[in-house]
Amino acid sequence: SAGGGSAWKIAADLPDPELPVVTIADLGILRDVTE
């Protein structure tokens, strides 16, 4: 979740389905990713 891992980066780049111009990380809904 510190933002340095590849799973975090992949998840953070996912576009929001209703507003595809922003990612789920941009919106702040991505809270944590662990691998």
All heavy atoms as atom14 arrays in JSON, in Angstrom:
{
  "sequence": "SAGGGSAWKIAADLPDPELPVVTIADLGILRDVTE",
  "atom14_mask": [
    [1, 1, 1, 1, 1, 1, 0, 0, 0, 0, 0, 0, 0, 0],
    [1, 1, 1, 1, 1, 0, 0, 0, 0, 0, 0, 0, 0, 0],
    [1, 1, 1, 1, 0, 0, 0, 0, 0, 0, 0, 0, 0, 0],
    [1, 1, 1, 1, 0, 0, 0, 0, 0, 0, 0, 0, 0, 0],
    [1, 1, 1, 1, 0, 0, 0, 0, 0, 0, 0, 0, 0, 0],
    [1, 1, 1, 1, 1, 1, 0, 0, 0, 0, 0, 0, 0, 0],
    [1, 1, 1, 1, 1, 0, 0, 0, 0, 0, 0, 0, 0, 0],
    [1, 1, 1, 1, 1, 1, 1, 1, 1, 1, 1, 1, 1, 1],
    [1, 1, 1, 1, 1, 1, 1, 1, 1, 0, 0, 0, 0, 0],
    [1, 1, 1, 1, 1, 1, 1, 1, 0, 0, 0, 0, 0, 0],
    [1, 1, 1, 1, 1, 0, 0, 0, 0, 0, 0, 0, 0, 0],
    [1, 1, 1, 1, 1, 0, 0, 0, 0, 0, 0, 0, 0, 0],
    [1, 1, 1, 1, 1, 1, 1, 1, 0, 0, 0, 0, 0, 0],
    [1, 1, 1, 1, 1, 1, 1, 1, 0, 0, 0, 0, 0, 0],
    [1, 1, 1, 1, 1, 1, 1, 0, 0, 0, 0, 0, 0, 0],
    [1, 1, 1, 1, 1, 1, 1, 1, 0, 0, 0, 0, 0, 0],
    [1, 1, 1, 1, 1, 1, 1, 0, 0, 0, 0, 0, 0, 0],
    [1, 1, 1, 1, 1, 1, 1, 1, 1, 0, 0, 0, 0, 0],
    [1, 1, 1, 1, 1, 1, 1, 1, 0, 0, 0, 0, 0, 0],
    [1, 1, 1, 1, 1, 1, 1, 0, 0, 0, 0, 0, 0, 0],
    [1, 1, 1, 1, 1, 1, 1, 0, 0, 0, 0, 0, 0, 0],
    [1, 1, 1, 1, 1, 1, 1, 0, 0, 0, 0, 0, 0, 0],
    [1, 1, 1, 1, 1, 1, 1, 0, 0, 0, 0, 0, 0, 0],
    [1, 1, 1, 1, 1, 1, 1, 1, 0, 0, 0, 0, 0, 0],
    [1, 1, 1, 1, 1, 0, 0, 0, 0, 0, 0, 0, 0, 0],
    [1, 1, 1, 1, 1, 1, 1, 1, 0, 0, 0, 0, 0, 0],
    [1, 1, 1, 1, 1, 1, 1, 1, 0, 0, 0, 0, 0, 0],
    [1, 1, 1, 1, 0, 0, 0, 0, 0, 0, 0, 0, 0, 0],
    [1, 1, 1, 1, 1, 1, 1, 1, 0, 0, 0, 0, 0, 0],
    [1, 1, 1, 1, 1, 1, 1, 1, 0, 0, 0, 0, 0, 0],
    [1, 1, 1, 1, 1, 1, 1, 1, 1, 1, 1, 0, 0, 0],
    [1, 1, 1, 1, 1, 1, 1, 1, 0, 0, 0, 0, 0, 0],
    [1, 1, 1, 1, 1, 1, 1, 0, 0, 0, 0, 0, 0, 0],
    [1, 1, 1, 1, 1, 1, 1, 0, 0, 0, 0, 0, 0, 0],
    [1, 1, 1, 1, 1, 1, 1, 1, 1, 0, 0, 0, 0, 0]
  ],
  "atom14_positions": [
    [[0.79, -1.23, 0.0], [0.0, 0.0, 0.0], [0.83, 1.28, 0.0], [0.28, 2.34, -0.24], [-0.97, 0.01, 1.17], [-0.26, -0.04, 2.38], [0.0, 0.0, 0.0], [0.0, 0.0, 0.0], [0.0, 0.0, 0.0], [0.0, 0.0, 0.0], [0.0, 0.0, 0.0], [0.0, 0.0, 0.0], [0.0, 0.0, 0.0], [0.0, 0.0, 0.0]],
    [[2.1, 1.18, 0.22], [2.94, 2.38, 0.16], [3.04, 2.91, -1.26], [3.49, 4.02, -1.48], [4.34, 2.07, 0.71], [0.0, 0.0, 0.0], [0.0, 0.0, 0.0], [0.0, 0.0, 0.0], [0.0, 0.0, 0.0], [0.0, 0.0, 0.0], [0.0, 0.0, 0.0], [0.0, 0.0, 0.0], [0.0, 0.0, 0.0], [0.0, 0.0, 0.0]],
    [[2.58, 2.14, -2.22], [2.55, 2.62, -3.59], [3.71, 2.15, -4.44], [3.78, 2.46, -5.61], [0.0, 0.0, 0.0], [0.0, 0.0, 0.0], [0.0, 0.0, 0.0], [0.0, 0.0, 0.0], [0.0, 0.0, 0.0], [0.0, 0.0, 0.0], [0.0, 0.0, 0.0], [0.0, 0.0, 0.0], [0.0, 0.0, 0.0], [0.0, 0.0, 0.0]],
    [[4.63, 1.37, -3.86], [5.79, 0.98, -4.62], [5.68, -0.36, -5.31], [6.43, -0.64, -6.22], [0.0, 0.0, 0.0], [0.0, 0.0, 0.0], [0.0, 0.0, 0.0], [0.0, 0.0, 0.0], [0.0, 0.0, 0.0], [0.0, 0.0, 0.0], [0.0, 0.0, 0.0], [0.0, 0.0, 0.0], [0.0, 0.0, 0.0], [0.0, 0.0, 0.0]],
    [[4.76, -1.22, -4.91], [4.66, -2.56, -5.47], [3.9, -2.61, -6.77], [3.12, -1.72, -7.1], [0.0, 0.0, 0.0], [0.0, 0.0, 0.0], [0.0, 0.0, 0.0], [0.0, 0.0, 0.0], [0.0, 0.0, 0.0], [0.0, 0.0, 0.0], [0.0, 0.0, 0.0], [0.0, 0.0, 0.0], [0.0, 0.0, 0.0], [0.0, 0.0, 0.0]],
    [[4.13, -3.68, -7.51], [3.5, -3.8, -8.82], [2.0, -4.03, -8.72], [1.25, -3.52, -9.54], [4.18, -4.89, -9.63], [4.11, -6.13, -8.96], [0.0, 0.0, 0.0], [0.0, 0.0, 0.0], [0.0, 0.0, 0.0], [0.0, 0.0, 0.0], [0.0, 0.0, 0.0], [0.0, 0.0, 0.0], [0.0, 0.0, 0.0], [0.0, 0.0, 0.0]],
    [[1.53, -4.8, -7.74], [0.08, -5.02, -7.6], [-0.62, -3.7, -7.28], [-1.7, -3.41, -7.81], [-0.21, -6.06, -6.52], [0.0, 0.0, 0.0], [0.0, 0.0, 0.0], [0.0, 0.0, 0.0], [0.0, 0.0, 0.0], [0.0, 0.0, 0.0], [0.0, 0.0, 0.0], [0.0, 0.0, 0.0], [0.0, 0.0, 0.0], [0.0, 0.0, 0.0]],
    [[0.0, -2.9, -6.42], [-0.58, -1.58, -6.11], [-0.68, -0.74, -7.38], [-1.7, -0.14, -7.68], [0.24, -0.85, -5.05], [-0.23, 0.57, -4.88], [0.23, 1.67, -5.54], [-1.29, 1.03, -4.04], [-0.48, 2.79, -5.15], [-1.42, 2.42, -4.24], [-2.15, 0.4, -3.15], [-2.36, 3.18, -3.57], [-3.09, 1.17, -2.48], [-3.2, 2.55, -2.69]],
    [[0.39, -0.69, -8.16], [0.43, 0.12, -9.38], [-0.65, -0.34, -10.37], [-1.34, 0.49, -10.97], [1.82, 0.03, -10.01], [1.96, 0.72, -11.34], [2.1, 2.22, -11.19], [2.46, 2.87, -12.52], [1.43, 3.73, -13.04], [0.0, 0.0, 0.0], [0.0, 0.0, 0.0], [0.0, 0.0, 0.0], [0.0, 0.0, 0.0], [0.0, 0.0, 0.0]],
    [[-0.79, -1.63, -10.53], [-1.79, -2.17, -11.46], [-3.19, -1.79, -11.0], [-4.02, -1.31, -11.78], [-1.64, -3.71, -11.58], [-0.34, -4.04, -12.3], [-2.84, -4.31, -12.32], [0.07, -5.49, -12.18], [0.0, 0.0, 0.0], [0.0, 0.0, 0.0], [0.0, 0.0, 0.0], [0.0, 0.0, 0.0], [0.0, 0.0, 0.0], [0.0, 0.0, 0.0]],
    [[-3.47, -1.97, -9.7], [-4.79, -1.62, -9.17], [-5.03, -0.12, -9.25], [-6.13, 0.33, -9.61], [-4.91, -2.11, -7.72], [0.0, 0.0, 0.0], [0.0, 0.0, 0.0], [0.0, 0.0, 0.0], [0.0, 0.0, 0.0], [0.0, 0.0, 0.0], [0.0, 0.0, 0.0], [0.0, 0.0, 0.0], [0.0, 0.0, 0.0], [0.0, 0.0, 0.0]],
    [[-4.02, 0.67, -8.92], [-4.16, 2.13, -8.9], [-4.45, 2.7, -10.28], [-5.09, 3.74, -10.4], [-2.89, 2.76, -8.32], [0.0, 0.0, 0.0], [0.0, 0.0, 0.0], [0.0, 0.0, 0.0], [0.0, 0.0, 0.0], [0.0, 0.0, 0.0], [0.0, 0.0, 0.0], [0.0, 0.0, 0.0], [0.0, 0.0, 0.0], [0.0, 0.0, 0.0]],
    [[-4.0, 2.03, -11.33], [-4.21, 2.51, -12.7], [-5.57, 2.13, -13.28], [-5.89, 2.52, -14.4], [-3.1, 1.98, -13.62], [-1.77, 2.67, -13.39], [-1.75, 3.76, -12.78], [-0.75, 2.12, -13.83], [0.0, 0.0, 0.0], [0.0, 0.0, 0.0], [0.0, 0.0, 0.0], [0.0, 0.0, 0.0], [0.0, 0.0, 0.0], [0.0, 0.0, 0.0]],
    [[-6.37, 1.38, -12.54], [-7.68, 0.94, -13.03], [-8.64, 2.13, -13.15], [-8.86, 2.85, -12.18], [-8.27, -0.11, -12.08], [-9.54, -0.78, -12.56], [-9.22, -1.76, -13.69], [-10.19, -1.52, -11.42], [0.0, 0.0, 0.0], [0.0, 0.0, 0.0], [0.0, 0.0, 0.0], [0.0, 0.0, 0.0], [0.0, 0.0, 0.0], [0.0, 0.0, 0.0]],
    [[-9.2, 2.36, -14.34], [-10.13, 3.49, -14.48], [-11.47, 3.22, -13.8], [-11.92, 2.07, -13.73], [-10.31, 3.62, -16.0], [-9.92, 2.31, -16.57], [-8.97, 1.67, -15.6], [0.0, 0.0, 0.0], [0.0, 0.0, 0.0], [0.0, 0.0, 0.0], [0.0, 0.0, 0.0], [0.0, 0.0, 0.0], [0.0, 0.0, 0.0], [0.0, 0.0, 0.0]],
    [[-12.09, 4.28, -13.32], [-13.43, 4.16, -12.76], [-14.39, 3.88, -13.92], [-14.31, 4.53, -14.96], [-13.81, 5.48, -12.07], [-15.2, 5.43, -11.49], [-15.37, 4.8, -10.42], [-16.13, 5.99, -12.12], [0.0, 0.0, 0.0], [0.0, 0.0, 0.0], [0.0, 0.0, 0.0], [0.0, 0.0, 0.0], [0.0, 0.0, 0.0], [0.0, 0.0, 0.0]],
    [[-15.31, 2.91, -13.77], [-16.2, 2.57, -14.89], [-17.22, 3.67, -15.24], [-17.66, 3.75, -16.38], [-16.91, 1.3, -14.43], [-16.75, 1.26, -12.96], [-15.5, 2.03, -12.64], [0.0, 0.0, 0.0], [0.0, 0.0, 0.0], [0.0, 0.0, 0.0], [0.0, 0.0, 0.0], [0.0, 0.0, 0.0], [0.0, 0.0, 0.0], [0.0, 0.0, 0.0]],
    [[-17.56, 4.52, -14.29], [-18.53, 5.58, -14.57], [-17.87, 6.87, -15.03], [-18.47, 7.66, -15.74], [-19.38, 5.86, -13.32], [-20.26, 4.69, -12.95], [-21.06, 4.93, -11.68], [-20.63, 5.72, -10.82], [-22.12, 4.3, -11.56], [0.0, 0.0, 0.0], [0.0, 0.0, 0.0], [0.0, 0.0, 0.0], [0.0, 0.0, 0.0], [0.0, 0.0, 0.0]],
    [[-16.63, 7.08, -14.6], [-15.86, 8.27, -14.98], [-14.48, 7.8, -15.41], [-13.51, 7.9, -14.67], [-15.74, 9.23, -13.8], [-17.02, 9.89, -13.33], [-16.86, 10.48, -11.94], [-17.45, 10.95, -14.33], [0.0, 0.0, 0.0], [0.0, 0.0, 0.0], [0.0, 0.0, 0.0], [0.0, 0.0, 0.0], [0.0, 0.0, 0.0], [0.0, 0.0, 0.0]],
    [[-14.35, 7.24, -16.62], [-13.1, 6.6, -17.03], [-11.9, 7.52, -17.15], [-10.78, 7.05, -17.31], [-13.45, 5.97, -18.38], [-14.64, 6.73, -18.87], [-15.39, 7.17, -17.65], [0.0, 0.0, 0.0], [0.0, 0.0, 0.0], [0.0, 0.0, 0.0], [0.0, 0.0, 0.0], [0.0, 0.0, 0.0], [0.0, 0.0, 0.0], [0.0, 0.0, 0.0]],
    [[-12.12, 8.82, -17.0], [-11.0, 9.76, -17.06], [-10.18, 9.75, -15.76], [-9.06, 10.21, -15.73], [-11.51, 11.18, -17.4], [-12.3, 11.76, -16.25], [-10.4, 12.09, -17.8], [0.0, 0.0, 0.0], [0.0, 0.0, 0.0], [0.0, 0.0, 0.0], [0.0, 0.0, 0.0], [0.0, 0.0, 0.0], [0.0, 0.0, 0.0], [0.0, 0.0, 0.0]],
    [[-10.75, 9.2, -14.68], [-10.05, 9.11, -13.4], [-9.89, 7.64, -13.01], [-10.69, 6.79, -13.39], [-10.78, 9.88, -12.26], [-10.74, 11.36, -12.5], [-12.21, 9.39, -12.09], [0.0, 0.0, 0.0], [0.0, 0.0, 0.0], [0.0, 0.0, 0.0], [0.0, 0.0, 0.0], [0.0, 0.0, 0.0], [0.0, 0.0, 0.0], [0.0, 0.0, 0.0]],
    [[-8.86, 7.37, -12.22], [-8.63, 6.01, -11.74], [-9.27, 5.84, -10.36], [-9.63, 6.83, -9.7], [-7.13, 5.7, -11.63], [-6.57, 6.5, -10.58], [-6.41, 5.95, -12.95], [0.0, 0.0, 0.0], [0.0, 0.0, 0.0], [0.0, 0.0, 0.0], [0.0, 0.0, 0.0], [0.0, 0.0, 0.0], [0.0, 0.0, 0.0], [0.0, 0.0, 0.0]],
    [[-9.32, 4.59, -9.91], [-9.87, 4.35, -8.58], [-8.95, 4.92, -7.51], [-9.41, 5.28, -6.42], [-10.21, 2.87, -8.33], [-8.98, 1.97, -8.41], [-11.29, 2.39, -9.31], [-9.23, 0.52, -7.99], [0.0, 0.0, 0.0], [0.0, 0.0, 0.0], [0.0, 0.0, 0.0], [0.0, 0.0, 0.0], [0.0, 0.0, 0.0], [0.0, 0.0, 0.0]],
    [[-7.66, 5.05, -7.81], [-6.73, 5.7, -6.87], [-6.96, 7.2, -6.87], [-6.94, 7.83, -5.81], [-5.29, 5.37, -7.22], [0.0, 0.0, 0.0], [0.0, 0.0, 0.0], [0.0, 0.0, 0.0], [0.0, 0.0, 0.0], [0.0, 0.0, 0.0], [0.0, 0.0, 0.0], [0.0, 0.0, 0.0], [0.0, 0.0, 0.0], [0.0, 0.0, 0.0]],
    [[-7.18, 7.8, -8.05], [-7.48, 9.23, -8.13], [-8.69, 9.58, -7.26], [-8.71, 10.61, -6.59], [-7.82, 9.66, -9.57], [-6.66, 9.65, -10.53], [-5.51, 9.76, -10.08], [-6.92, 9.53, -11.74], [0.0, 0.0, 0.0], [0.0, 0.0, 0.0], [0.0, 0.0, 0.0], [0.0, 0.0, 0.0], [0.0, 0.0, 0.0], [0.0, 0.0, 0.0]],
    [[-9.71, 8.72, -7.31], [-10.93, 8.97, -6.55], [-10.76, 8.72, -5.05], [-11.57, 9.16, -4.26], [-12.08, 8.1, -7.08], [-12.65, 8.51, -8.42], [-13.7, 7.5, -8.88], [-13.26, 9.9, -8.36], [0.0, 0.0, 0.0], [0.0, 0.0, 0.0], [0.0, 0.0, 0.0], [0.0, 0.0, 0.0], [0.0, 0.0, 0.0], [0.0, 0.0, 0.0]],
    [[-9.73, 7.98, -4.69], [-9.49, 7.7, -3.28], [-10.25, 6.49, -2.77], [-10.31, 6.27, -1.56], [0.0, 0.0, 0.0], [0.0, 0.0, 0.0], [0.0, 0.0, 0.0], [0.0, 0.0, 0.0], [0.0, 0.0, 0.0], [0.0, 0.0, 0.0], [0.0, 0.0, 0.0], [0.0, 0.0, 0.0], [0.0, 0.0, 0.0], [0.0, 0.0, 0.0]],
    [[-10.82, 5.68, -3.68], [-11.54, 4.5, -3.2], [-10.62, 3.29, -3.03], [-10.97, 2.35, -2.34], [-12.74, 4.13, -4.1], [-12.31, 3.74, -5.5], [-13.74, 5.27, -4.14], [-13.45, 3.21, -6.35], [0.0, 0.0, 0.0], [0.0, 0.0, 0.0], [0.0, 0.0, 0.0], [0.0, 0.0, 0.0], [0.0, 0.0, 0.0], [0.0, 0.0, 0.0]],
    [[-9.43, 3.34, -3.63], [-8.45, 2.28, -3.43], [-7.75, 2.54, -2.1], [-7.07, 3.54, -1.93], [-7.42, 2.27, -4.57], [-6.34, 1.19, -4.49], [-6.96, -0.21, -4.56], [-5.32, 1.39, -5.6], [0.0, 0.0, 0.0], [0.0, 0.0, 0.0], [0.0, 0.0, 0.0], [0.0, 0.0, 0.0], [0.0, 0.0, 0.0], [0.0, 0.0, 0.0]],
    [[-7.97, 1.65, -1.14], [-7.47, 1.87, 0.21], [-6.16, 1.14, 0.5], [-5.28, 1.67, 1.14], [-8.53, 1.42, 1.24], [-9.86, 2.13, 1.12], [-9.81, 3.55, 1.63], [-9.51, 3.61, 3.04], [-10.39, 3.44, 4.02], [-11.64, 3.24, 3.75], [-10.0, 3.51, 5.27], [0.0, 0.0, 0.0], [0.0, 0.0, 0.0], [0.0, 0.0, 0.0]],
    [[-6.05, -0.1, 0.04], [-4.89, -0.9, 0.38], [-4.73, -2.03, -0.63], [-5.73, -2.51, -1.19], [-5.06, -1.49, 1.78], [-3.78, -2.07, 2.37], [-2.68, -1.64, 1.95], [-3.87, -2.95, 3.24], [0.0, 0.0, 0.0], [0.0, 0.0, 0.0], [0.0, 0.0, 0.0], [0.0, 0.0, 0.0], [0.0, 0.0, 0.0], [0.0, 0.0, 0.0]],
    [[-3.5, -2.42, -0.89], [-3.2, -3.57, -1.73], [-2.05, -4.31, -1.06], [-1.03, -3.7, -0.75], [-2.79, -3.16, -3.17], [-2.43, -4.38, -3.99], [-3.89, -2.35, -3.84], [0.0, 0.0, 0.0], [0.0, 0.0, 0.0], [0.0, 0.0, 0.0], [0.0, 0.0, 0.0], [0.0, 0.0, 0.0], [0.0, 0.0, 0.0], [0.0, 0.0, 0.0]],
    [[-2.25, -5.6, -0.82], [-1.17, -6.42, -0.28], [-0.97, -7.61, -1.21], [-1.91, -8.09, -1.85], [-1.47, -6.93, 1.15], [-2.69, -7.67, 1.14], [-1.6, -5.77, 2.12], [0.0, 0.0, 0.0], [0.0, 0.0, 0.0], [0.0, 0.0, 0.0], [0.0, 0.0, 0.0], [0.0, 0.0, 0.0], [0.0, 0.0, 0.0], [0.0, 0.0, 0.0]],
    [[0.27, -8.03, -1.31], [0.57, -9.22, -2.11], [1.6, -10.04, -1.36], [2.35, -9.51, -0.55], [1.05, -8.84, -3.51], [2.39, -8.15, -3.57], [2.79, -7.79, -4.99], [3.17, -8.68, -5.75], [2.72, -6.6, -5.31], [0.0, 0.0, 0.0], [0.0, 0.0, 0.0], [0.0, 0.0, 0.0], [0.0, 0.0, 0.0], [0.0, 0.0, 0.0]]
  ]
}
